[in-house]
Amino acid sequence: MADKQIQMQSQIQPPGRGKPEAPFVPCPVCKGENKPKAKTCKKCGYDLSSPPLWLPTWKWHLKTLGVIYAVLIVAYFAIDAILRQMPPPMHLRELPPEMTPWLKK
């Protein structure tokens, strides 16, 4: 009886295997389901064998967005200063109605 139980257990889970494998691995590009040992995505063909070279952190995102906003603000004030030095009416923010007859107030 004990031999039969041992034999049944060895058929259920072979020796040497630790935790059972995950049922699927999501593709980082198309989120398709793939076998854990798949080398390429069966849906889009993305190479799953190599890990991504770099994954950005929230600090990187914060730093990058801060730099982008700073550049935009500096560019806005620089362009505004340049436009103020131009002769009239180019420096005005509101254009006279004669220049834009299609815009009626």
PDB file of N, CA and C in Angstrom:
ATOM      1  N   MET A   1       0.817  -1.187   0.000  1.00  0.00           N
ATOM      2  CA  MET A   1       0.000   0.000   0.000  1.00  0.00           C
ATOM      3  C   MET A   1       0.866   1.257   0.000  1.00  0.00           C
ATOM      4  N   ALA A   2       1.886   1.302   0.857  1.00  0.00           N
ATOM      5  CA  ALA A   2       2.775   2.453   0.925  1.00  0.00           C
ATOM      6  C   ALA A   2       3.559   2.606  -0.372  1.00  0.00           C
ATOM      7  N   ASP A   3       3.954   1.471  -0.975  1.00  0.00           N
ATOM      8  CA  ASP A   3       4.673   1.542  -2.255  1.00  0.00           C
ATOM      9  C   ASP A   3       3.789   2.147  -3.347  1.00  0.00           C
ATOM     10  N   LYS A   4       2.511   1.839  -3.288  1.00  0.00           N
ATOM     11  CA  LYS A   4       1.578   2.363  -4.296  1.00  0.00           C
ATOM     12  C   LYS A   4       1.423   3.880  -4.147  1.00  0.00           C
ATOM     13  N   GLN A   5       1.370   4.366  -2.890  1.00  0.00           N
ATOM     14  CA  GLN A   5       1.252   5.801  -2.643  1.00  0.00           C
ATOM     15  C   GLN A   5       2.505   6.536  -3.110  1.00  0.00           C
ATOM     16  N   ILE A   6       3.667   5.985  -2.841  1.00  0.00           N
ATOM     17  CA  ILE A   6       4.926   6.595  -3.277  1.00  0.00           C
ATOM     18  C   ILE A   6       4.983   6.644  -4.793  1.00  0.00           C
ATOM     19  N   GLN A   7       4.536   5.559  -5.425  1.00  0.00           N
ATOM     20  CA  GLN A   7       4.545   5.510  -6.883  1.00  0.00           C
ATOM     21  C   GLN A   7       3.591   6.558  -7.464  1.00  0.00           C
ATOM     22  N   MET A   8       2.416   6.753  -6.849  1.00  0.00           N
ATOM     23  CA  MET A   8       1.448   7.751  -7.329  1.00  0.00           C
ATOM     24  C   MET A   8       2.007   9.163  -7.149  1.00  0.00           C
ATOM     25  N   GLN A   9       2.681   9.431  -6.027  1.00  0.00           N
ATOM     26  CA  GLN A   9       3.249  10.748  -5.777  1.00  0.00           C
ATOM     27  C   GLN A   9       4.371  11.052  -6.762  1.00  0.00           C
ATOM     28  N   SER A  10       5.159  10.048  -7.111  1.00  0.00           N
ATOM     29  CA  SER A  10       6.242  10.278  -8.056  1.00  0.00           C
ATOM     30  C   SER A  10       5.699  10.541  -9.449  1.00  0.00           C
ATOM     31  N   GLN A  11       4.504  10.006  -9.770  1.00  0.00           N
ATOM     32  CA  GLN A  11       3.894  10.276 -11.065  1.00  0.00           C
ATOM     33  C   GLN A  11       3.294  11.681 -11.110  1.00  0.00           C
ATOM     34  N   ILE A  12       2.800  12.162  -9.984  1.00  0.00           N
ATOM     35  CA  ILE A  12       2.184  13.488  -9.935  1.00  0.00           C
ATOM     36  C   ILE A  12       3.247  14.569 -10.100  1.00  0.00           C
ATOM     37  N   GLN A  13       4.308  14.504  -9.324  1.00  0.00           N
ATOM     38  CA  GLN A  13       5.378  15.490  -9.405  1.00  0.00           C
ATOM     39  C   GLN A  13       6.711  14.754  -9.453  1.00  0.00           C
ATOM     40  N   PRO A  14       7.414  14.843 -10.580  1.00  0.00           N
ATOM     41  CA  PRO A  14       8.693  14.147 -10.683  1.00  0.00           C
ATOM     42  C   PRO A  14       9.691  14.685  -9.668  1.00  0.00           C
ATOM     43  N   PRO A  15      10.586  13.847  -9.177  1.00  0.00           N
ATOM     44  CA  PRO A  15      11.579  14.310  -8.202  1.00  0.00           C
ATOM     45  C   PRO A  15      12.544  15.306  -8.848  1.00  0.00           C
ATOM     46  N   GLY A  16      13.022  16.223  -8.043  1.00  0.00           N
ATOM     47  CA  GLY A  16      13.978  17.205  -8.524  1.00  0.00           C
ATOM     48  C   GLY A  16      13.323  18.492  -8.999  1.00  0.00           C
ATOM     49  N   ARG A  17      12.039  18.477  -9.148  1.00  0.00           N
ATOM     50  CA  ARG A  17      11.355  19.702  -9.555  1.00  0.00           C
ATOM     51  C   ARG A  17      10.887  20.420  -8.312  1.00  0.00           C
ATOM     52  N   GLY A  18      11.211  21.686  -8.229  1.00  0.00           N
ATOM     53  CA  GLY A  18      10.807  22.481  -7.081  1.00  0.00           C
ATOM     54  C   GLY A  18       9.386  22.979  -7.260  1.00  0.00           C
ATOM     55  N   LYS A  19       9.243  24.256  -7.333  1.00  0.00           N
ATOM     56  CA  LYS A  19       7.931  24.857  -7.504  1.00  0.00           C
ATOM     57  C   LYS A  19       7.438  24.619  -8.932  1.00  0.00           C
ATOM     58  N   PRO A  20       6.136  24.463  -9.099  1.00  0.00           N
ATOM     59  CA  PRO A  20       5.620  24.323 -10.461  1.00  0.00           C
ATOM     60  C   PRO A  20       5.790  25.633 -11.228  1.00  0.00           C
ATOM     61  N   GLU A  21       5.975  25.507 -12.526  1.00  0.00           N
ATOM     62  CA  GLU A  21       6.209  26.687 -13.355  1.00  0.00           C
ATOM     63  C   GLU A  21       4.927  27.504 -13.516  1.00  0.00           C
ATOM     64  N   ALA A  22       5.094  28.780 -13.797  1.00  0.00           N
ATOM     65  CA  ALA A  22       3.951  29.656 -14.028  1.00  0.00           C
ATOM     66  C   ALA A  22       3.225  29.208 -15.291  1.00  0.00           C
ATOM     67  N   PRO A  23       1.924  29.390 -15.351  1.00  0.00           N
ATOM     68  CA  PRO A  23       1.186  28.927 -16.520  1.00  0.00           C
ATOM     69  C   PRO A  23       1.550  29.679 -17.803  1.00  0.00           C
ATOM     70  N   PHE A  24       1.942  30.938 -17.693  1.00  0.00           N
ATOM     71  CA  PHE A  24       2.345  31.691 -18.873  1.00  0.00           C
ATOM     72  C   PHE A  24       3.220  32.864 -18.472  1.00  0.00           C
ATOM     73  N   VAL A  25       3.923  33.402 -19.459  1.00  0.00           N
ATOM     74  CA  VAL A  25       4.767  34.580 -19.272  1.00  0.00           C
ATOM     75  C   VAL A  25       4.237  35.661 -20.203  1.00  0.00           C
ATOM     76  N   PRO A  26       3.890  36.853 -19.689  1.00  0.00           N
ATOM     77  CA  PRO A  26       3.373  37.891 -20.577  1.00  0.00           C
ATOM     78  C   PRO A  26       4.491  38.525 -21.401  1.00  0.00           C
ATOM     79  N   CYS A  27       4.168  38.832 -22.642  1.00  0.00           N
ATOM     80  CA  CYS A  27       5.109  39.531 -23.525  1.00  0.00           C
ATOM     81  C   CYS A  27       5.159  40.998 -23.107  1.00  0.00           C
ATOM     82  N   PRO A  28       6.343  41.619 -22.983  1.00  0.00           N
ATOM     83  CA  PRO A  28       6.414  43.022 -22.582  1.00  0.00           C
ATOM     84  C   PRO A  28       5.902  43.983 -23.651  1.00  0.00           C
ATOM     85  N   VAL A  29       5.788  43.530 -24.892  1.00  0.00           N
ATOM     86  CA  VAL A  29       5.341  44.406 -25.975  1.00  0.00           C
ATOM     87  C   VAL A  29       3.833  44.315 -26.188  1.00  0.00           C
ATOM     88  N   CYS A  30       3.337  43.090 -26.452  1.00  0.00           N
ATOM     89  CA  CYS A  30       1.919  42.933 -26.804  1.00  0.00           C
ATOM     90  C   CYS A  30       1.089  42.327 -25.676  1.00  0.00           C
ATOM     91  N   LYS A  31       1.700  41.968 -24.568  1.00  0.00           N
ATOM     92  CA  LYS A  31       1.042  41.351 -23.407  1.00  0.00           C
ATOM     93  C   LYS A  31       0.411  40.001 -23.745  1.00  0.00           C
ATOM     94  N   GLY A  32       0.889  39.356 -24.791  1.00  0.00           N
ATOM     95  CA  GLY A  32       0.397  38.035 -25.164  1.00  0.00           C
ATOM     96  C   GLY A  32       0.923  36.968 -24.219  1.00  0.00           C
ATOM     97  N   GLU A  33       0.188  35.866 -24.095  1.00  0.00           N
ATOM     98  CA  GLU A  33       0.583  34.776 -23.203  1.00  0.00           C
ATOM     99  C   GLU A  33       1.533  33.828 -23.928  1.00  0.00           C
ATOM    100  N   ASN A  34       2.639  33.493 -23.273  1.00  0.00           N
ATOM    101  CA  ASN A  34       3.649  32.605 -23.845  1.00  0.00           C
ATOM    102  C   ASN A  34       4.045  31.563 -22.808  1.00  0.00           C
ATOM    103  N   LYS A  35       4.571  30.451 -23.285  1.00  0.00           N
ATOM    104  CA  LYS A  35       5.075  29.421 -22.381  1.00  0.00           C
ATOM    105  C   LYS A  35       6.292  29.967 -21.640  1.00  0.00           C
ATOM    106  N   PRO A  36       6.561  29.481 -20.426  1.00  0.00           N
ATOM    107  CA  PRO A  36       7.687  30.014 -19.649  1.00  0.00           C
ATOM    108  C   PRO A  36       9.044  29.854 -20.333  1.00  0.00           C
ATOM    109  N   LYS A  37       9.224  28.821 -21.136  1.00  0.00           N
ATOM    110  CA  LYS A  37      10.523  28.594 -21.772  1.00  0.00           C
ATOM    111  C   LYS A  37      10.554  29.073 -23.220  1.00  0.00           C
ATOM    112  N   ALA A  38       9.557  29.846 -23.638  1.00  0.00           N
ATOM    113  CA  ALA A  38       9.500  30.326 -25.023  1.00  0.00           C
ATOM    114  C   ALA A  38      10.619  31.329 -25.283  1.00  0.00           C
ATOM    115  N   LYS A  39      11.218  31.253 -26.466  1.00  0.00           N
ATOM    116  CA  LYS A  39      12.297  32.179 -26.838  1.00  0.00           C
ATOM    117  C   LYS A  39      11.756  33.417 -27.534  1.00  0.00           C
ATOM    118  N   THR A  40      10.615  33.275 -28.229  1.00  0.00           N
ATOM    119  CA  THR A  40       9.987  34.417 -28.895  1.00  0.00           C
ATOM    120  C   THR A  40       8.501  34.415 -28.594  1.00  0.00           C
ATOM    121  N   CYS A  41       7.889  35.578 -28.684  1.00  0.00           N
ATOM    122  CA  CYS A  41       6.454  35.707 -28.461  1.00  0.00           C
ATOM    123  C   CYS A  41       5.717  35.089 -29.646  1.00  0.00           C
ATOM    124  N   LYS A  42       4.721  34.269 -29.347  1.00  0.00           N
ATOM    125  CA  LYS A  42       3.986  33.622 -30.435  1.00  0.00           C
ATOM    126  C   LYS A  42       3.048  34.585 -31.139  1.00  0.00           C
ATOM    127  N   LYS A  43       2.761  35.747 -30.522  1.00  0.00           N
ATOM    128  CA  LYS A  43       1.840  36.712 -31.112  1.00  0.00           C
ATOM    129  C   LYS A  43       2.567  37.759 -31.957  1.00  0.00           C
ATOM    130  N   CYS A  44       3.620  38.371 -31.396  1.00  0.00           N
ATOM    131  CA  CYS A  44       4.299  39.462 -32.115  1.00  0.00           C
ATOM    132  C   CYS A  44       5.729  39.121 -32.528  1.00  0.00           C
ATOM    133  N   GLY A  45       6.306  38.023 -32.036  1.00  0.00           N
ATOM    134  CA  GLY A  45       7.648  37.629 -32.424  1.00  0.00           C
ATOM    135  C   GLY A  45       8.757  38.294 -31.636  1.00  0.00           C
ATOM    136  N   TYR A  46       8.439  39.004 -30.555  1.00  0.00           N
ATOM    137  CA  TYR A  46       9.442  39.679 -29.728  1.00  0.00           C
ATOM    138  C   TYR A  46      10.355  38.647 -29.068  1.00  0.00           C
ATOM    139  N   ASP A  47      11.648  38.953 -28.986  1.00  0.00           N
ATOM    140  CA  ASP A  47      12.635  38.050 -28.396  1.00  0.00           C
ATOM    141  C   ASP A  47      12.484  38.067 -26.874  1.00  0.00           C
ATOM    142  N   LEU A  48      12.060  36.954 -26.306  1.00  0.00           N
ATOM    143  CA  LEU A  48      11.858  36.845 -24.858  1.00  0.00           C
ATOM    144  C   LEU A  48      13.069  36.286 -24.126  1.00  0.00           C
ATOM    145  N   SER A  49      14.104  35.877 -24.860  1.00  0.00           N
ATOM    146  CA  SER A  49      15.245  35.219 -24.218  1.00  0.00           C
ATOM    147  C   SER A  49      16.149  36.207 -23.485  1.00  0.00           C
ATOM    148  N   SER A  50      16.215  37.454 -23.926  1.00  0.00           N
ATOM    149  CA  SER A  50      17.097  38.411 -23.259  1.00  0.00           C
ATOM    150  C   SER A  50      16.273  39.392 -22.432  1.00  0.00           C
ATOM    151  N   PRO A  51      16.741  39.714 -21.236  1.00  0.00           N
ATOM    152  CA  PRO A  51      16.024  40.686 -20.408  1.00  0.00           C
ATOM    153  C   PRO A  51      16.198  42.088 -20.988  1.00  0.00           C
ATOM    154  N   PRO A  52      15.302  43.026 -20.655  1.00  0.00           N
ATOM    155  CA  PRO A  52      15.460  44.390 -21.140  1.00  0.00           C
ATOM    156  C   PRO A  52      16.771  44.989 -20.631  1.00  0.00           C
ATOM    157  N   LEU A  53      17.385  45.839 -21.448  1.00  0.00           N
ATOM    158  CA  LEU A  53      18.672  46.424 -21.075  1.00  0.00           C
ATOM    159  C   LEU A  53      18.548  47.386 -19.906  1.00  0.00           C
ATOM    160  N   TRP A  54      17.405  48.091 -19.844  1.00  0.00           N
ATOM    161  CA  TRP A  54      17.260  49.104 -18.806  1.00  0.00           C
ATOM    162  C   TRP A  54      15.786  49.340 -18.548  1.00  0.00           C
ATOM    163  N   LEU A  55      15.404  49.424 -17.312  1.00  0.00           N
ATOM    164  CA  LEU A  55      14.034  49.754 -16.940  1.00  0.00           C
ATOM    165  C   LEU A  55      14.054  51.063 -16.161  1.00  0.00           C
ATOM    166  N   PRO A  56      13.371  52.096 -16.652  1.00  0.00           N
ATOM    167  CA  PRO A  56      13.384  53.383 -15.955  1.00  0.00           C
ATOM    168  C   PRO A  56      12.629  53.313 -14.634  1.00  0.00           C
ATOM    169  N   THR A  57      13.114  54.058 -13.656  1.00  0.00           N
ATOM    170  CA  THR A  57      12.471  54.127 -12.344  1.00  0.00           C
ATOM    171  C   THR A  57      11.633  55.401 -12.275  1.00  0.00           C
ATOM    172  N   TRP A  58      10.878  55.549 -11.215  1.00  0.00           N
ATOM    173  CA  TRP A  58      10.058  56.745 -11.063  1.00  0.00           C
ATOM    174  C   TRP A  58      10.939  57.985 -10.895  1.00  0.00           C
ATOM    175  N   LYS A  59      12.130  57.821 -10.306  1.00  0.00           N
ATOM    176  CA  LYS A  59      13.048  58.962 -10.152  1.00  0.00           C
ATOM    177  C   LYS A  59      13.522  59.445 -11.523  1.00  0.00           C
ATOM    178  N   TRP A  60      13.788  58.513 -12.431  1.00  0.00           N
ATOM    179  CA  TRP A  60      14.213  58.892 -13.773  1.00  0.00           C
ATOM    180  C   TRP A  60      13.087  59.649 -14.479  1.00  0.00           C
ATOM    181  N   HIS A  61      11.857  59.155 -14.350  1.00  0.00           N
ATOM    182  CA  HIS A  61      10.717  59.830 -14.972  1.00  0.00           C
ATOM    183  C   HIS A  61      10.552  61.236 -14.404  1.00  0.00           C
ATOM    184  N   LEU A  62      10.666  61.381 -13.099  1.00  0.00           N
ATOM    185  CA  LEU A  62      10.528  62.681 -12.454  1.00  0.00           C
ATOM    186  C   LEU A  62      11.614  63.643 -12.927  1.00  0.00           C
ATOM    187  N   LYS A  63      12.833  63.175 -12.996  1.00  0.00           N
ATOM    188  CA  LYS A  63      13.951  64.006 -13.439  1.00  0.00           C
ATOM    189  C   LYS A  63      13.769  64.424 -14.904  1.00  0.00           C
ATOM    190  N   THR A  64      13.377  63.474 -15.756  1.00  0.00           N
ATOM    191  CA  THR A  64      13.204  63.765 -17.180  1.00  0.00           C
ATOM    192  C   THR A  64      12.079  64.767 -17.405  1.00  0.00           C
ATOM    193  N   LEU A  65      10.936  64.556 -16.734  1.00  0.00           N
ATOM    194  CA  LEU A  65       9.825  65.496 -16.890  1.00  0.00           C
ATOM    195  C   LEU A  65      10.189  66.874 -16.349  1.00  0.00           C
ATOM    196  N   GLY A  66      10.940  66.926 -15.259  1.00  0.00           N
ATOM    197  CA  GLY A  66      11.386  68.213 -14.726  1.00  0.00           C
ATOM    198  C   GLY A  66      12.267  68.958 -15.716  1.00  0.00           C
ATOM    199  N   VAL A  67      13.176  68.247 -16.374  1.00  0.00           N
ATOM    200  CA  VAL A  67      14.047  68.874 -17.376  1.00  0.00           C
ATOM    201  C   VAL A  67      13.219  69.363 -18.569  1.00  0.00           C
ATOM    202  N   ILE A  68      12.267  68.552 -19.018  1.00  0.00           N
ATOM    203  CA  ILE A  68      11.422  68.959 -20.154  1.00  0.00           C
ATOM    204  C   ILE A  68      10.636  70.215 -19.808  1.00  0.00           C
ATOM    205  N   TYR A  69      10.007  70.258 -18.631  1.00  0.00           N
ATOM    206  CA  TYR A  69       9.244  71.437 -18.238  1.00  0.00           C
ATOM    207  C   TYR A  69      10.143  72.666 -18.098  1.00  0.00           C
ATOM    208  N   ALA A  70      11.324  72.495 -17.532  1.00  0.00           N
ATOM    209  CA  ALA A  70      12.246  73.620 -17.386  1.00  0.00           C
ATOM    210  C   ALA A  70      12.643  74.171 -18.758  1.00  0.00           C
ATOM    211  N   VAL A  71      12.945  73.285 -19.706  1.00  0.00           N
ATOM    212  CA  VAL A  71      13.319  73.724 -21.054  1.00  0.00           C
ATOM    213  C   VAL A  71      12.147  74.456 -21.711  1.00  0.00           C
ATOM    214  N   LEU A  72      10.933  73.951 -21.542  1.00  0.00           N
ATOM    215  CA  LEU A  72       9.766  74.613 -22.132  1.00  0.00           C
ATOM    216  C   LEU A  72       9.541  76.003 -21.536  1.00  0.00           C
ATOM    217  N   ILE A  73       9.710  76.141 -20.235  1.00  0.00           N
ATOM    218  CA  ILE A  73       9.518  77.439 -19.597  1.00  0.00           C
ATOM    219  C   ILE A  73      10.582  78.428 -20.054  1.00  0.00           C
ATOM    220  N   VAL A  74      11.837  77.992 -20.103  1.00  0.00           N
ATOM    221  CA  VAL A  74      12.919  78.871 -20.572  1.00  0.00           C
ATOM    222  C   VAL A  74      12.686  79.253 -22.031  1.00  0.00           C
ATOM    223  N   ALA A  75      12.274  78.304 -22.859  1.00  0.00           N
ATOM    224  CA  ALA A  75      12.017  78.600 -24.273  1.00  0.00           C
ATOM    225  C   ALA A  75      10.861  79.587 -24.420  1.00  0.00           C
ATOM    226  N   TYR A  76       9.815  79.419 -23.624  1.00  0.00           N
ATOM    227  CA  TYR A  76       8.672  80.335 -23.699  1.00  0.00           C
ATOM    228  C   TYR A  76       9.103  81.770 -23.401  1.00  0.00           C
ATOM    229  N   PHE A  77       9.844  81.972 -22.307  1.00  0.00           N
ATOM    230  CA  PHE A  77      10.251  83.331 -21.946  1.00  0.00           C
ATOM    231  C   PHE A  77      11.290  83.886 -22.927  1.00  0.00           C
ATOM    232  N   ALA A  78      12.145  83.041 -23.488  1.00  0.00           N
ATOM    233  CA  ALA A  78      13.120  83.516 -24.473  1.00  0.00           C
ATOM    234  C   ALA A  78      12.409  83.956 -25.752  1.00  0.00           C
ATOM    235  N   ILE A  79      11.453  83.183 -26.218  1.00  0.00           N
ATOM    236  CA  ILE A  79      10.709  83.564 -27.423  1.00  0.00           C
ATOM    237  C   ILE A  79       9.873  84.805 -27.163  1.00  0.00           C
ATOM    238  N   ASP A  80       9.295  84.904 -25.975  1.00  0.00           N
ATOM    239  CA  ASP A  80       8.520  86.089 -25.619  1.00  0.00           C
ATOM    240  C   ASP A  80       9.405  87.333 -25.618  1.00  0.00           C
ATOM    241  N   ALA A  81      10.630  87.233 -25.091  1.00  0.00           N
ATOM    242  CA  ALA A  81      11.550  88.377 -25.067  1.00  0.00           C
ATOM    243  C   ALA A  81      11.961  88.768 -26.486  1.00  0.00           C
ATOM    244  N   ILE A  82      12.162  87.776 -27.354  1.00  0.00           N
ATOM    245  CA  ILE A  82      12.531  88.072 -28.744  1.00  0.00           C
ATOM    246  C   ILE A  82      11.373  88.743 -29.475  1.00  0.00           C
ATOM    247  N   LEU A  83      10.165  88.254 -29.260  1.00  0.00           N
ATOM    248  CA  LEU A  83       9.001  88.828 -29.941  1.00  0.00           C
ATOM    249  C   LEU A  83       8.688  90.241 -29.460  1.00  0.00           C
ATOM    250  N   ARG A  84       9.015  90.563 -28.214  1.00  0.00           N
ATOM    251  CA  ARG A  84       8.775  91.915 -27.710  1.00  0.00           C
ATOM    252  C   ARG A  84       9.696  92.937 -28.388  1.00  0.00           C
ATOM    253  N   GLN A  85      10.830  92.499 -28.907  1.00  0.00           N
ATOM    254  CA  GLN A  85      11.764  93.416 -29.555  1.00  0.00           C
ATOM    255  C   GLN A  85      11.413  93.664 -31.011  1.00  0.00           C
ATOM    256  N   MET A  86      10.469  92.913 -31.560  1.00  0.00           N
ATOM    257  CA  MET A  86      10.089  93.088 -32.958  1.00  0.00           C
ATOM    258  C   MET A  86       9.218  94.333 -33.111  1.00  0.00           C
ATOM    259  N   PRO A  87       9.212  94.926 -34.299  1.00  0.00           N
ATOM    260  CA  PRO A  87       8.409  96.137 -34.510  1.00  0.00           C
ATOM    261  C   PRO A  87       6.907  95.825 -34.454  1.00  0.00           C
ATOM    262  N   PRO A  88       6.103  96.837 -34.144  1.00  0.00           N
ATOM    263  CA  PRO A  88       4.654  96.631 -34.086  1.00  0.00           C
ATOM    264  C   PRO A  88       4.117  96.242 -35.462  1.00  0.00           C
ATOM    265  N   PRO A  89       3.110  95.496 -35.611  1.00  0.00           N
ATOM    266  CA  PRO A  89       2.213  94.890 -34.624  1.00  0.00           C
ATOM    267  C   PRO A  89       2.620  93.472 -34.263  1.00  0.00           C
ATOM    268  N   MET A  90       3.837  93.033 -34.615  1.00  0.00           N
ATOM    269  CA  MET A  90       4.245  91.648 -34.363  1.00  0.00           C
ATOM    270  C   MET A  90       4.362  91.318 -32.882  1.00  0.00           C
ATOM    271  N   HIS A  91       4.621  92.315 -32.056  1.00  0.00           N
ATOM    272  CA  HIS A  91       4.793  92.047 -30.641  1.00  0.00           C
ATOM    273  C   HIS A  91       3.463  91.951 -29.897  1.00  0.00           C
ATOM    274  N   LEU A  92       2.375  92.341 -30.540  1.00  0.00           N
ATOM    275  CA  LEU A  92       1.070  92.310 -29.886  1.00  0.00           C
ATOM    276  C   LEU A  92       0.530  90.881 -29.818  1.00  0.00           C
ATOM    277  N   ARG A  93      -0.154  90.599 -28.742  1.00  0.00           N
ATOM    278  CA  ARG A  93      -0.763  89.280 -28.603  1.00  0.00           C
ATOM    279  C   ARG A  93      -2.107  89.225 -29.319  1.00  0.00           C
ATOM    280  N   GLU A  94      -2.827  90.337 -29.392  1.00  0.00           N
ATOM    281  CA  GLU A  94      -4.102  90.383 -30.101  1.00  0.00           C
ATOM    282  C   GLU A  94      -3.881  91.041 -31.456  1.00  0.00           C
ATOM    283  N   LEU A  95      -4.275  90.369 -32.499  1.00  0.00           N
ATOM    284  CA  LEU A  95      -4.123  90.901 -33.844  1.00  0.00           C
ATOM    285  C   LEU A  95      -5.313  91.798 -34.179  1.00  0.00           C
ATOM    286  N   PRO A  96      -5.078  92.853 -34.935  1.00  0.00           N
ATOM    287  CA  PRO A  96      -6.188  93.738 -35.324  1.00  0.00           C
ATOM    288  C   PRO A  96      -7.191  92.983 -36.199  1.00  0.00           C
ATOM    289  N   PRO A  97      -8.478  93.358 -36.143  1.00  0.00           N
ATOM    290  CA  PRO A  97      -9.502  92.654 -36.921  1.00  0.00           C
ATOM    291  C   PRO A  97      -9.290  92.759 -38.426  1.00  0.00           C
ATOM    292  N   GLU A  98      -8.592  93.789 -38.902  1.00  0.00           N
ATOM    293  CA  GLU A  98      -8.340  93.921 -40.337  1.00  0.00           C
ATOM    294  C   GLU A  98      -7.420  92.802 -40.843  1.00  0.00           C
ATOM    295  N   MET A  99      -6.553  92.296 -39.972  1.00  0.00           N
ATOM    296  CA  MET A  99      -5.615  91.251 -40.394  1.00  0.00           C
ATOM    297  C   MET A  99      -6.264  89.872 -40.414  1.00  0.00           C
ATOM    298  N   THR A 100      -7.312  89.694 -39.622  1.00  0.00           N
ATOM    299  CA  THR A 100      -7.981  88.395 -39.570  1.00  0.00           C
ATOM    300  C   THR A 100      -9.497  88.596 -39.699  1.00  0.00           C
ATOM    301  N   PRO A 101      -9.990  88.817 -40.923  1.00  0.00           N
ATOM    302  CA  PRO A 101     -11.431  89.061 -41.087  1.00  0.00           C
ATOM    303  C   PRO A 101     -12.277  87.805 -40.813  1.00  0.00           C
ATOM    304  N   TRP A 102     -11.688  86.623 -40.872  1.00  0.00           N
ATOM    305  CA  TRP A 102     -12.449  85.406 -40.637  1.00  0.00           C
ATOM    306  C   TRP A 102     -12.717  85.155 -39.160  1.00  0.00           C
ATOM    307  N   LEU A 103     -11.970  85.850 -38.289  1.00  0.00           N
ATOM    308  CA  LEU A 103     -12.202  85.745 -36.855  1.00  0.00           C
ATOM    309  C   LEU A 103     -13.081  86.902 -36.417  1.00  0.00           C
ATOM    310  N   LYS A 104     -14.353  86.632 -36.202  1.00  0.00           N
ATOM    311  CA  LYS A 104     -15.261  87.687 -35.771  1.00  0.00           C
ATOM    312  C   LYS A 104     -15.563  87.500 -34.295  1.00  0.00           C
ATOM    313  N   LYS A 105     -15.548  88.600 -33.566  1.00  0.00           N
ATOM    314  CA  LYS A 105     -15.803  88.543 -32.119  1.00  0.00           C
ATOM    315  C   LYS A 105     -17.276  88.655 -31.828  1.00  0.00           C
TER     316      LYS A 105
END
